[in-house]
Protein backbone atom coordinates (compact mmCIF):
# COMPACT_ATOMS: atom_id res chain seq x y z
CA UNK A 1 -2.71 99.45 136.30
CA UNK A 2 -2.70 102.55 138.15
CA UNK A 3 0.12 102.73 141.29
CA UNK A 4 -1.12 102.33 144.76
CA UNK A 5 -3.74 100.52 143.15
CA UNK A 6 -4.54 97.16 145.14
CA UNK A 7 -4.85 94.18 141.61
CA UNK A 8 -6.92 90.56 143.64
CA UNK A 9 -3.33 89.13 145.31
CA UNK A 10 -2.59 92.03 146.71
CA UNK A 11 -6.44 92.16 148.25
CA UNK A 12 -6.55 88.66 148.62
CA UNK A 13 -3.27 88.93 150.43
CA UNK A 14 -4.27 92.09 152.83
CA UNK A 15 -7.33 89.54 153.32
CA UNK A 16 -6.32 86.63 154.43
CA UNK A 17 -3.87 88.43 156.69
CA UNK A 18 -7.46 89.97 158.83
CA UNK A 19 -9.43 86.68 158.79
CA UNK A 20 -6.31 84.84 160.71
CA UNK A 21 -5.62 87.53 163.54
CA UNK A 22 -10.27 87.38 164.02
CA UNK A 23 -9.18 83.73 163.45
CA UNK A 24 -6.15 81.65 164.96
CA UNK A 25 -5.71 80.50 161.43
CA UNK A 26 -2.42 80.46 159.51
CA UNK A 27 -3.44 82.16 156.26
CA UNK A 28 -2.10 79.31 153.87
CA UNK A 29 -4.19 77.29 156.38
CA UNK A 30 -7.39 79.39 154.88
CA UNK A 31 -9.88 78.21 152.51
CA UNK A 32 -10.52 81.27 150.71
CA UNK A 33 -13.87 79.60 148.58
CA UNK A 34 -15.18 77.57 151.67
CA UNK A 35 -18.08 78.71 153.20
CA UNK A 36 -16.91 81.94 155.19
CA UNK A 37 -19.43 81.38 158.19
CA UNK A 38 -18.38 77.19 158.67
CA UNK A 39 -14.98 77.94 157.85
CA UNK A 40 -14.09 80.49 159.73
CA UNK A 41 -16.36 79.21 162.21
CA UNK A 42 -17.02 83.20 163.50
CA UNK A 43 -20.27 83.94 165.29
CA UNK A 44 -22.36 86.76 163.66
CA UNK A 45 -20.40 89.14 165.85
CA UNK A 46 -17.06 87.91 165.38
CA UNK A 47 -18.74 88.66 161.45
CA UNK A 48 -19.53 91.44 161.74
CA UNK A 49 -15.94 92.50 163.53
CA UNK A 50 -14.32 91.34 161.11
CA UNK A 51 -16.35 93.10 157.86
CA UNK A 52 -15.51 96.13 160.33
CA UNK A 53 -11.94 95.16 160.36
CA UNK A 54 -11.80 94.70 156.30
CA UNK A 55 -14.52 98.19 155.86
CA UNK A 56 -11.21 99.69 157.56
CA UNK A 57 -8.45 98.33 156.23
CA UNK A 58 -9.71 99.49 152.75
CA UNK A 59 -12.08 102.73 153.05
CA UNK A 60 -14.66 101.14 152.10
CA UNK A 61 -18.55 100.73 153.80
CA UNK A 62 -20.11 97.64 152.94
CA UNK A 63 -23.71 98.41 152.30
CA UNK A 64 -25.66 95.44 154.60
CA UNK A 65 -27.19 95.09 150.94
CA UNK A 66 -24.66 93.29 149.51
CA UNK A 67 -23.20 91.32 152.36
CA UNK A 68 -25.39 88.30 151.39
CA UNK A 69 -23.39 88.27 148.35
CA UNK A 70 -20.30 86.70 150.78
CA UNK A 71 -20.94 82.54 150.70
CA UNK A 72 -17.58 82.85 150.54
CA UNK A 73 -13.84 84.71 151.13
CA UNK A 74 -13.55 84.58 147.02
CA UNK A 75 -16.99 86.16 147.01
CA UNK A 76 -15.16 89.87 149.57
CA UNK A 77 -11.52 89.59 146.78
CA UNK A 78 -13.77 89.26 144.09
CA UNK A 79 -16.32 92.40 145.45
CA UNK A 80 -13.42 94.47 146.38
CA UNK A 81 -11.34 94.39 143.64
CA UNK A 82 -14.31 95.40 142.04
CA UNK A 83 -14.00 98.65 144.92
CA UNK A 84 -11.31 100.48 145.86
CA UNK A 85 -9.64 99.48 141.52
């Protein structure tokens, strides 16, 4: 692995930190396999704000057509791993 390139565990930790800031849930209480919409309890604006924070954290832009593929936070981790590695 290249130095400075995040691995999946690092990506998961960073994502959980962002999610916990938006949901006020403890990172260890967030279900990575649960439905993003149902588990996080965010409205549409909250989800967009969360995704903007993810884009900023990982210095990427997530195209709208890719957003439909995010059913769980693990889906987001896999996507980020593919994009930033």
